[in-house]
Amino acid sequence: MGCGLFVLILRTATRDDVPGVEALLQRSYPRLLKADYAPSVLVTALPLISRAQPRLVACGTYYVIEDEGAVVAAGGWTAVPPQGHGRIEGVAHVRHVATDPDRTRAGLGRHLMEHIVAAARAAGHTRMDSQSTLTAVPFYRAMGFTEIGPIEIELRPGIVFPAMAMTRRI
């Protein structure tokens, strides 16, 4: 009777990871967000937020955690805010974090966020902001973030997604 040994690999994502990240988002968001969002919100938002952003995935500050070649967690940070403008010196922004819905509460998200925070700090940032889903607010609180307040993210004209602006010192 052997020991079940598994190795998780956290690494910087590349453009080749776009399909794996997109598959993760499509597994994760529909299951994990349904408790906190109305079906009328999800029906319009999920097709937009469950798509990997190739430029983000390949930007050099986006990471994946793999288990036997499958992406089981992903996320990163950028100096530029998600909306693409309004950069503030010293502020990093959490970007498109997700964990496989069958692997939540296993420490993957924490490990990934610790890496994201350390990388942003090493790059000279002193604050990290997040536009958290309502579902992820408790996770970000546990990671040291505090709520700034509710926001609505305009995904496309006429399609808004309720979220929570959060921040922490790093």
N, C-alpha and C. Protein backbone atom coordinates (compact mmCIF):
# COMPACT_ATOMS: atom_id res chain seq x y z
N MET A 1 0.85 -1.17 0.00
CA MET A 1 0.00 0.00 0.00
C MET A 1 0.89 1.23 0.00
N GLY A 2 0.80 2.02 -1.05
CA GLY A 2 1.69 3.16 -1.21
C GLY A 2 1.07 4.44 -0.74
N CYS A 3 1.93 5.41 -0.61
CA CYS A 3 1.53 6.76 -0.26
C CYS A 3 1.10 7.48 -1.52
N GLY A 4 -0.01 8.16 -1.49
CA GLY A 4 -0.44 8.95 -2.65
C GLY A 4 0.31 10.27 -2.68
N LEU A 5 1.38 10.34 -3.45
CA LEU A 5 2.20 11.54 -3.53
C LEU A 5 1.72 12.39 -4.71
N PHE A 6 1.51 13.67 -4.45
CA PHE A 6 1.16 14.57 -5.55
C PHE A 6 2.01 15.82 -5.41
N VAL A 7 2.30 16.43 -6.52
CA VAL A 7 3.13 17.62 -6.53
C VAL A 7 2.36 18.75 -7.20
N LEU A 8 2.20 19.82 -6.47
CA LEU A 8 1.59 21.02 -7.02
C LEU A 8 2.71 21.95 -7.45
N ILE A 9 2.57 22.54 -8.61
CA ILE A 9 3.59 23.44 -9.14
C ILE A 9 2.98 24.82 -9.31
N LEU A 10 3.59 25.82 -8.65
CA LEU A 10 3.20 27.21 -8.84
C LEU A 10 4.25 27.83 -9.74
N ARG A 11 3.81 28.41 -10.85
CA ARG A 11 4.75 29.01 -11.80
C ARG A 11 4.11 30.20 -12.50
N THR A 12 4.97 31.00 -13.12
CA THR A 12 4.49 32.12 -13.92
C THR A 12 3.79 31.57 -15.16
N ALA A 13 2.62 32.10 -15.44
CA ALA A 13 1.85 31.66 -16.60
C ALA A 13 2.46 32.19 -17.90
N THR A 14 2.16 31.49 -18.97
CA THR A 14 2.54 31.91 -20.32
C THR A 14 1.29 31.91 -21.20
N ARG A 15 1.44 32.41 -22.40
CA ARG A 15 0.32 32.41 -23.35
C ARG A 15 -0.23 31.00 -23.56
N ASP A 16 0.63 29.99 -23.45
CA ASP A 16 0.19 28.60 -23.61
C ASP A 16 -0.80 28.17 -22.53
N ASP A 17 -0.86 28.91 -21.43
CA ASP A 17 -1.77 28.57 -20.33
C ASP A 17 -3.18 29.11 -20.52
N VAL A 18 -3.42 29.91 -21.55
CA VAL A 18 -4.74 30.51 -21.74
C VAL A 18 -5.85 29.46 -21.74
N PRO A 19 -5.74 28.35 -22.50
CA PRO A 19 -6.83 27.36 -22.47
C PRO A 19 -7.05 26.75 -21.08
N GLY A 20 -5.98 26.46 -20.35
CA GLY A 20 -6.12 25.89 -19.02
C GLY A 20 -6.73 26.86 -18.03
N VAL A 21 -6.34 28.13 -18.11
CA VAL A 21 -6.92 29.16 -17.24
C VAL A 21 -8.40 29.34 -17.57
N GLU A 22 -8.72 29.38 -18.85
CA GLU A 22 -10.12 29.55 -19.24
C GLU A 22 -10.96 28.36 -18.77
N ALA A 23 -10.43 27.16 -18.88
CA ALA A 23 -11.16 25.98 -18.40
C ALA A 23 -11.39 26.08 -16.89
N LEU A 24 -10.38 26.55 -16.15
CA LEU A 24 -10.53 26.75 -14.71
C LEU A 24 -11.63 27.77 -14.41
N LEU A 25 -11.60 28.91 -15.08
CA LEU A 25 -12.61 29.95 -14.85
C LEU A 25 -14.01 29.41 -15.15
N GLN A 26 -14.13 28.62 -16.20
CA GLN A 26 -15.44 28.08 -16.58
C GLN A 26 -15.93 27.00 -15.63
N ARG A 27 -15.00 26.32 -14.95
CA ARG A 27 -15.39 25.36 -13.90
C ARG A 27 -15.73 26.09 -12.61
N SER A 28 -14.96 27.09 -12.30
CA SER A 28 -15.03 27.75 -10.99
C SER A 28 -16.19 28.72 -10.85
N TYR A 29 -16.24 29.73 -11.69
CA TYR A 29 -17.18 30.82 -11.47
C TYR A 29 -18.64 30.39 -11.44
N PRO A 30 -19.13 29.56 -12.35
CA PRO A 30 -20.55 29.20 -12.27
C PRO A 30 -20.93 28.52 -10.95
N ARG A 31 -20.05 27.66 -10.44
CA ARG A 31 -20.36 26.95 -9.20
C ARG A 31 -20.17 27.82 -7.97
N LEU A 32 -19.08 28.56 -7.92
CA LEU A 32 -18.76 29.29 -6.70
C LEU A 32 -19.54 30.60 -6.55
N LEU A 33 -19.95 31.21 -7.63
CA LEU A 33 -20.63 32.50 -7.54
C LEU A 33 -22.14 32.39 -7.37
N LYS A 34 -22.71 31.23 -7.64
CA LYS A 34 -24.18 31.13 -7.67
C LYS A 34 -24.84 31.40 -6.32
N ALA A 35 -24.13 31.23 -5.21
CA ALA A 35 -24.73 31.50 -3.90
C ALA A 35 -24.85 33.00 -3.61
N ASP A 36 -24.08 33.82 -4.31
CA ASP A 36 -24.02 35.25 -3.98
C ASP A 36 -24.55 36.18 -5.07
N TYR A 37 -24.92 35.63 -6.20
CA TYR A 37 -25.39 36.45 -7.32
C TYR A 37 -26.69 35.89 -7.87
N ALA A 38 -27.58 36.78 -8.25
CA ALA A 38 -28.85 36.39 -8.85
C ALA A 38 -28.61 35.75 -10.22
N PRO A 39 -29.44 34.78 -10.58
CA PRO A 39 -29.31 34.18 -11.91
C PRO A 39 -29.31 35.22 -13.03
N SER A 40 -30.08 36.29 -12.86
CA SER A 40 -30.14 37.33 -13.89
C SER A 40 -28.80 38.05 -14.07
N VAL A 41 -28.00 38.12 -13.01
CA VAL A 41 -26.66 38.71 -13.11
C VAL A 41 -25.72 37.71 -13.76
N LEU A 42 -25.76 36.47 -13.30
CA LEU A 42 -24.83 35.46 -13.81
C LEU A 42 -25.04 35.15 -15.28
N VAL A 43 -26.28 35.16 -15.74
CA VAL A 43 -26.53 34.81 -17.14
C VAL A 43 -25.83 35.78 -18.10
N THR A 44 -25.68 37.03 -17.71
CA THR A 44 -24.99 37.99 -18.57
C THR A 44 -23.51 38.11 -18.24
N ALA A 45 -23.14 37.94 -16.97
CA ALA A 45 -21.75 38.14 -16.56
C ALA A 45 -20.85 36.94 -16.82
N LEU A 46 -21.34 35.73 -16.58
CA LEU A 46 -20.47 34.56 -16.70
C LEU A 46 -19.81 34.41 -18.07
N PRO A 47 -20.51 34.62 -19.17
CA PRO A 47 -19.81 34.49 -20.45
C PRO A 47 -18.65 35.48 -20.61
N LEU A 48 -18.68 36.59 -19.89
CA LEU A 48 -17.63 37.59 -20.00
C LEU A 48 -16.50 37.36 -19.00
N ILE A 49 -16.83 37.05 -17.75
CA ILE A 49 -15.78 36.90 -16.73
C ILE A 49 -15.13 35.53 -16.75
N SER A 50 -15.74 34.57 -17.42
CA SER A 50 -15.19 33.21 -17.48
C SER A 50 -14.26 33.01 -18.67
N ARG A 51 -13.83 34.09 -19.27
CA ARG A 51 -12.89 34.02 -20.39
C ARG A 51 -11.53 34.49 -19.92
N ALA A 52 -10.51 33.71 -20.23
CA ALA A 52 -9.14 34.12 -19.90
C ALA A 52 -8.76 35.31 -20.79
N GLN A 53 -7.98 36.21 -20.23
CA GLN A 53 -7.49 37.37 -20.97
C GLN A 53 -6.05 37.09 -21.39
N PRO A 54 -5.80 36.78 -22.66
CA PRO A 54 -4.46 36.36 -23.08
C PRO A 54 -3.35 37.33 -22.68
N ARG A 55 -3.57 38.63 -22.81
CA ARG A 55 -2.52 39.59 -22.43
C ARG A 55 -2.23 39.53 -20.94
N LEU A 56 -3.26 39.38 -20.13
CA LEU A 56 -3.07 39.28 -18.69
C LEU A 56 -2.34 37.99 -18.34
N VAL A 57 -2.79 36.87 -18.89
CA VAL A 57 -2.17 35.58 -18.58
C VAL A 57 -0.68 35.59 -18.92
N ALA A 58 -0.30 36.26 -20.00
CA ALA A 58 1.09 36.26 -20.45
C ALA A 58 1.89 37.47 -19.99
N CYS A 59 1.37 38.26 -19.05
CA CYS A 59 2.00 39.54 -18.69
C CYS A 59 3.24 39.40 -17.81
N GLY A 60 3.50 38.22 -17.26
CA GLY A 60 4.67 38.02 -16.42
C GLY A 60 4.39 38.11 -14.93
N THR A 61 3.20 38.59 -14.55
CA THR A 61 2.83 38.66 -13.13
C THR A 61 1.52 37.92 -12.88
N TYR A 62 1.24 36.95 -13.73
CA TYR A 62 0.07 36.09 -13.58
C TYR A 62 0.61 34.68 -13.38
N TYR A 63 0.00 33.93 -12.49
CA TYR A 63 0.56 32.65 -12.07
C TYR A 63 -0.50 31.55 -12.14
N VAL A 64 -0.03 30.33 -12.29
CA VAL A 64 -0.92 29.18 -12.24
C VAL A 64 -0.36 28.18 -11.23
N ILE A 65 -1.26 27.43 -10.62
CA ILE A 65 -0.88 26.26 -9.84
C ILE A 65 -1.40 25.06 -10.61
N GLU A 66 -0.49 24.14 -10.90
CA GLU A 66 -0.84 22.94 -11.66
C GLU A 66 -0.78 21.71 -10.78
N ASP A 67 -1.65 20.77 -11.08
CA ASP A 67 -1.64 19.45 -10.48
C ASP A 67 -1.71 18.45 -11.64
N GLU A 68 -0.62 17.75 -11.85
CA GLU A 68 -0.52 16.80 -12.96
C GLU A 68 -0.91 17.43 -14.29
N GLY A 69 -0.44 18.64 -14.52
CA GLY A 69 -0.66 19.33 -15.78
C GLY A 69 -1.96 20.12 -15.88
N ALA A 70 -2.86 19.94 -14.94
CA ALA A 70 -4.14 20.67 -14.96
C ALA A 70 -4.03 21.93 -14.10
N VAL A 71 -4.53 23.04 -14.60
CA VAL A 71 -4.54 24.29 -13.83
C VAL A 71 -5.64 24.20 -12.78
N VAL A 72 -5.24 24.26 -11.49
CA VAL A 72 -6.21 24.15 -10.39
C VAL A 72 -6.38 25.47 -9.63
N ALA A 73 -5.53 26.44 -9.93
CA ALA A 73 -5.68 27.79 -9.37
C ALA A 73 -4.90 28.74 -10.28
N ALA A 74 -5.36 29.98 -10.34
CA ALA A 74 -4.69 30.97 -11.17
C ALA A 74 -5.01 32.36 -10.65
N GLY A 75 -4.10 33.28 -10.90
CA GLY A 75 -4.32 34.66 -10.52
C GLY A 75 -3.02 35.43 -10.58
N GLY A 76 -3.11 36.73 -10.46
CA GLY A 76 -1.91 37.52 -10.53
C GLY A 76 -2.14 38.95 -10.09
N TRP A 77 -1.24 39.82 -10.53
CA TRP A 77 -1.33 41.23 -10.19
C TRP A 77 -0.77 42.05 -11.35
N THR A 78 -1.20 43.30 -11.40
CA THR A 78 -0.64 44.26 -12.35
C THR A 78 -0.53 45.61 -11.65
N ALA A 79 0.35 46.44 -12.19
CA ALA A 79 0.47 47.81 -11.68
C ALA A 79 -0.66 48.68 -12.24
N VAL A 80 -1.17 48.29 -13.40
CA VAL A 80 -2.26 49.02 -14.04
C VAL A 80 -3.58 48.44 -13.53
N PRO A 81 -4.55 49.29 -13.15
CA PRO A 81 -5.84 48.78 -12.68
C PRO A 81 -6.56 47.97 -13.76
N PRO A 82 -7.51 47.13 -13.36
CA PRO A 82 -8.24 46.30 -14.32
C PRO A 82 -8.88 47.09 -15.46
N GLN A 83 -9.32 48.32 -15.20
CA GLN A 83 -9.96 49.11 -16.26
C GLN A 83 -8.94 49.69 -17.23
N GLY A 84 -7.63 49.52 -16.95
CA GLY A 84 -6.60 49.90 -17.90
C GLY A 84 -6.06 51.31 -17.80
N HIS A 85 -6.53 52.10 -16.86
CA HIS A 85 -6.04 53.47 -16.70
C HIS A 85 -6.15 53.87 -15.24
N GLY A 86 -5.48 54.95 -14.89
CA GLY A 86 -5.54 55.45 -13.52
C GLY A 86 -4.50 54.84 -12.60
N ARG A 87 -3.35 54.49 -13.17
CA ARG A 87 -2.28 53.89 -12.37
C ARG A 87 -1.83 54.84 -11.26
N ILE A 88 -1.65 54.28 -10.06
CA ILE A 88 -1.16 55.03 -8.91
C ILE A 88 0.16 54.40 -8.48
N GLU A 89 1.19 55.21 -8.38
CA GLU A 89 2.50 54.70 -8.00
C GLU A 89 2.43 53.95 -6.67
N GLY A 90 3.01 52.76 -6.63
CA GLY A 90 3.06 51.96 -5.42
C GLY A 90 1.87 51.06 -5.18
N VAL A 91 0.85 51.14 -6.05
CA VAL A 91 -0.36 50.33 -5.87
C VAL A 91 -0.38 49.21 -6.91
N ALA A 92 -0.51 47.99 -6.43
CA ALA A 92 -0.68 46.81 -7.30
C ALA A 92 -2.14 46.38 -7.23
N HIS A 93 -2.58 45.68 -8.25
CA HIS A 93 -3.99 45.27 -8.36
C HIS A 93 -4.08 43.76 -8.55
N VAL A 94 -4.85 43.11 -7.68
CA VAL A 94 -5.11 41.67 -7.82
C VAL A 94 -5.91 41.47 -9.10
N ARG A 95 -5.56 40.41 -9.85
CA ARG A 95 -6.23 40.20 -11.13
C ARG A 95 -6.68 38.76 -11.31
N HIS A 96 -7.94 38.58 -11.61
CA HIS A 96 -8.59 37.36 -12.11
C HIS A 96 -8.14 36.08 -11.37
N VAL A 97 -8.35 36.07 -10.06
CA VAL A 97 -7.97 34.93 -9.21
C VAL A 97 -9.11 33.91 -9.19
N ALA A 98 -8.76 32.64 -9.32
CA ALA A 98 -9.77 31.57 -9.25
C ALA A 98 -9.11 30.29 -8.75
N THR A 99 -9.92 29.48 -8.08
CA THR A 99 -9.50 28.16 -7.62
C THR A 99 -10.51 27.15 -8.12
N ASP A 100 -10.04 25.97 -8.46
CA ASP A 100 -10.93 24.90 -8.89
C ASP A 100 -11.99 24.68 -7.80
N PRO A 101 -13.27 24.61 -8.16
CA PRO A 101 -14.31 24.48 -7.14
C PRO A 101 -14.21 23.19 -6.33
N ASP A 102 -13.55 22.18 -6.86
CA ASP A 102 -13.35 20.94 -6.11
C ASP A 102 -12.12 21.01 -5.21
N ARG A 103 -11.38 22.13 -5.25
CA ARG A 103 -10.15 22.26 -4.47
C ARG A 103 -10.19 23.46 -3.52
N THR A 104 -11.36 24.06 -3.31
CA THR A 104 -11.43 25.18 -2.37
C THR A 104 -11.18 24.66 -0.96
N ARG A 105 -10.75 25.57 -0.09
CA ARG A 105 -10.48 25.27 1.33
C ARG A 105 -9.33 24.27 1.50
N ALA A 106 -8.47 24.17 0.47
CA ALA A 106 -7.32 23.27 0.54
C ALA A 106 -6.00 24.04 0.60
N GLY A 107 -6.07 25.36 0.70
CA GLY A 107 -4.86 26.17 0.83
C GLY A 107 -4.29 26.68 -0.49
N LEU A 108 -4.88 26.30 -1.61
CA LEU A 108 -4.35 26.74 -2.91
C LEU A 108 -4.49 28.25 -3.08
N GLY A 109 -5.66 28.79 -2.77
CA GLY A 109 -5.87 30.23 -2.90
C GLY A 109 -4.95 31.02 -1.99
N ARG A 110 -4.78 30.56 -0.77
CA ARG A 110 -3.88 31.24 0.18
C ARG A 110 -2.44 31.22 -0.34
N HIS A 111 -2.00 30.06 -0.79
CA HIS A 111 -0.63 29.93 -1.31
C HIS A 111 -0.43 30.86 -2.51
N LEU A 112 -1.39 30.87 -3.40
CA LEU A 112 -1.31 31.73 -4.58
C LEU A 112 -1.29 33.21 -4.18
N MET A 113 -2.19 33.62 -3.28
CA MET A 113 -2.24 35.02 -2.87
C MET A 113 -0.97 35.44 -2.13
N GLU A 114 -0.41 34.55 -1.31
CA GLU A 114 0.85 34.88 -0.64
C GLU A 114 1.94 35.14 -1.68
N HIS A 115 1.95 34.34 -2.74
CA HIS A 115 2.93 34.53 -3.82
C HIS A 115 2.68 35.85 -4.55
N ILE A 116 1.42 36.15 -4.84
CA ILE A 116 1.06 37.39 -5.53
C ILE A 116 1.49 38.60 -4.70
N VAL A 117 1.19 38.59 -3.42
CA VAL A 117 1.55 39.71 -2.54
C VAL A 117 3.07 39.85 -2.46
N ALA A 118 3.78 38.74 -2.29
CA ALA A 118 5.25 38.80 -2.20
C ALA A 118 5.87 39.34 -3.49
N ALA A 119 5.34 38.92 -4.63
CA ALA A 119 5.88 39.39 -5.91
C ALA A 119 5.63 40.88 -6.10
N ALA A 120 4.45 41.34 -5.75
CA ALA A 120 4.14 42.77 -5.88
C ALA A 120 5.00 43.59 -4.91
N ARG A 121 5.19 43.09 -3.70
CA ARG A 121 6.04 43.78 -2.72
C ARG A 121 7.48 43.84 -3.23
N ALA A 122 7.98 42.74 -3.78
CA ALA A 122 9.34 42.70 -4.30
C ALA A 122 9.53 43.67 -5.46
N ALA A 123 8.46 43.97 -6.17
CA ALA A 123 8.51 44.92 -7.29
C ALA A 123 8.38 46.36 -6.81
N GLY A 124 8.30 46.57 -5.50
CA GLY A 124 8.29 47.92 -4.95
C GLY A 124 6.93 48.48 -4.58
N HIS A 125 5.89 47.68 -4.68
CA HIS A 125 4.55 48.16 -4.34
C HIS A 125 4.34 48.09 -2.83
N THR A 126 3.54 49.00 -2.31
CA THR A 126 3.28 49.04 -0.87
C THR A 126 1.80 48.87 -0.53
N ARG A 127 0.96 48.85 -1.55
CA ARG A 127 -0.47 48.66 -1.36
C ARG A 127 -1.00 47.76 -2.46
N MET A 128 -2.00 46.94 -2.10
CA MET A 128 -2.63 46.07 -3.09
C MET A 128 -4.13 46.28 -3.01
N ASP A 129 -4.75 46.51 -4.16
CA ASP A 129 -6.20 46.68 -4.25
C ASP A 129 -6.80 45.48 -4.97
N SER A 130 -8.06 45.20 -4.65
CA SER A 130 -8.77 44.10 -5.28
C SER A 130 -10.20 44.52 -5.57
N GLN A 131 -10.71 44.09 -6.71
CA GLN A 131 -12.13 44.20 -7.02
C GLN A 131 -12.68 42.79 -6.84
N SER A 132 -13.06 42.47 -5.63
CA SER A 132 -13.45 41.11 -5.25
C SER A 132 -14.89 40.80 -5.64
N THR A 133 -15.10 39.55 -6.05
CA THR A 133 -16.48 39.09 -6.15
C THR A 133 -17.07 39.11 -4.75
N LEU A 134 -18.38 39.15 -4.64
CA LEU A 134 -19.01 39.10 -3.32
C LEU A 134 -18.69 37.78 -2.64
N THR A 135 -18.55 36.73 -3.41
CA THR A 135 -18.23 35.40 -2.88
C THR A 135 -16.86 35.38 -2.21
N ALA A 136 -15.89 36.10 -2.76
CA ALA A 136 -14.51 36.03 -2.28
C ALA A 136 -14.18 37.01 -1.17
N VAL A 137 -15.11 37.86 -0.76
CA VAL A 137 -14.83 38.84 0.29
C VAL A 137 -14.27 38.19 1.56
N PRO A 138 -14.86 37.10 2.08
CA PRO A 138 -14.28 36.48 3.28
C PRO A 138 -12.84 35.99 3.06
N PHE A 139 -12.55 35.48 1.88
CA PHE A 139 -11.18 35.04 1.57
C PHE A 139 -10.22 36.22 1.63
N TYR A 140 -10.57 37.31 0.97
CA TYR A 140 -9.68 38.47 0.97
C TYR A 140 -9.54 39.06 2.37
N ARG A 141 -10.61 39.06 3.16
CA ARG A 141 -10.50 39.50 4.56
C ARG A 141 -9.46 38.65 5.29
N ALA A 142 -9.54 37.34 5.10
CA ALA A 142 -8.59 36.43 5.75
C ALA A 142 -7.15 36.67 5.27
N MET A 143 -7.01 37.25 4.08
CA MET A 143 -5.68 37.56 3.54
C MET A 143 -5.22 38.96 3.92
N GLY A 144 -5.96 39.63 4.81
CA GLY A 144 -5.54 40.93 5.31
C GLY A 144 -6.13 42.14 4.60
N PHE A 145 -7.04 41.92 3.67
CA PHE A 145 -7.69 43.03 2.97
C PHE A 145 -8.85 43.57 3.81
N THR A 146 -9.13 44.85 3.63
CA THR A 146 -10.31 45.46 4.24
C THR A 146 -11.18 46.04 3.13
N GLU A 147 -12.48 46.11 3.41
CA GLU A 147 -13.42 46.62 2.42
C GLU A 147 -13.34 48.14 2.33
N ILE A 148 -13.31 48.62 1.11
CA ILE A 148 -13.45 50.05 0.84
C ILE A 148 -14.93 50.34 0.66
N GLY A 149 -15.61 49.47 -0.10
CA GLY A 149 -17.05 49.62 -0.31
C GLY A 149 -17.51 48.90 -1.56
N PRO A 150 -18.84 48.75 -1.70
CA PRO A 150 -19.39 48.07 -2.87
C PRO A 150 -19.14 48.89 -4.15
N ILE A 151 -18.92 48.18 -5.23
CA ILE A 151 -18.74 48.81 -6.54
C ILE A 151 -19.54 48.02 -7.57
N GLU A 152 -19.74 48.62 -8.72
CA GLU A 152 -20.32 47.92 -9.86
C GLU A 152 -19.31 48.00 -10.99
N ILE A 153 -18.89 46.85 -11.47
CA ILE A 153 -17.93 46.79 -12.57
C ILE A 153 -18.72 46.70 -13.87
N GLU A 154 -18.47 47.65 -14.76
CA GLU A 154 -19.15 47.61 -16.06
C GLU A 154 -18.36 46.67 -16.97
N LEU A 155 -18.94 45.49 -17.22
CA LEU A 155 -18.29 44.50 -18.06
C LEU A 155 -18.42 44.86 -19.54
N ARG A 156 -19.55 45.40 -19.88
CA ARG A 156 -19.88 45.92 -21.22
C ARG A 156 -20.98 46.94 -20.99
N PRO A 157 -21.23 47.80 -21.96
CA PRO A 157 -22.34 48.75 -21.77
C PRO A 157 -23.63 48.00 -21.43
N GLY A 158 -24.22 48.36 -20.31
CA GLY A 158 -25.47 47.75 -19.87
C GLY A 158 -25.31 46.48 -19.06
N ILE A 159 -24.08 45.98 -18.92
CA ILE A 159 -23.84 44.76 -18.13
C ILE A 159 -22.92 45.13 -16.97
N VAL A 160 -23.50 45.17 -15.77
CA VAL A 160 -22.71 45.51 -14.58
C VAL A 160 -22.66 44.30 -13.65
N PHE A 161 -21.55 44.22 -12.91
CA PHE A 161 -21.30 43.10 -12.02
C PHE A 161 -21.01 43.66 -10.63
N PRO A 162 -21.86 43.37 -9.64
CA PRO A 162 -21.61 43.86 -8.28
C PRO A 162 -20.34 43.22 -7.70
N ALA A 163 -19.54 44.04 -7.05
CA ALA A 163 -18.28 43.57 -6.47
C ALA A 163 -17.98 44.40 -5.23
N MET A 164 -16.85 44.10 -4.60
CA MET A 164 -16.42 44.83 -3.42
C MET A 164 -14.99 45.33 -3.65
N ALA A 165 -14.79 46.63 -3.53
CA ALA A 165 -13.44 47.19 -3.58
C ALA A 165 -12.78 46.92 -2.24
N MET A 166 -11.56 46.37 -2.29
CA MET A 166 -10.83 46.02 -1.07
C MET A 166 -9.38 46.46 -1.21
N THR A 167 -8.69 46.60 -0.08
CA THR A 167 -7.31 47.04 -0.11
C THR A 167 -6.54 46.49 1.08
N ARG A 168 -5.21 46.48 0.95
CA ARG A 168 -4.34 46.13 2.08
C ARG A 168 -2.95 46.70 1.84
N ARG A 169 -2.22 46.91 2.91
CA ARG A 169 -0.80 47.30 2.83
C ARG A 169 -0.01 46.02 2.58
N ILE A 170 1.06 46.15 1.80
CA ILE A 170 1.91 44.97 1.56
C ILE A 170 3.36 45.28 1.85
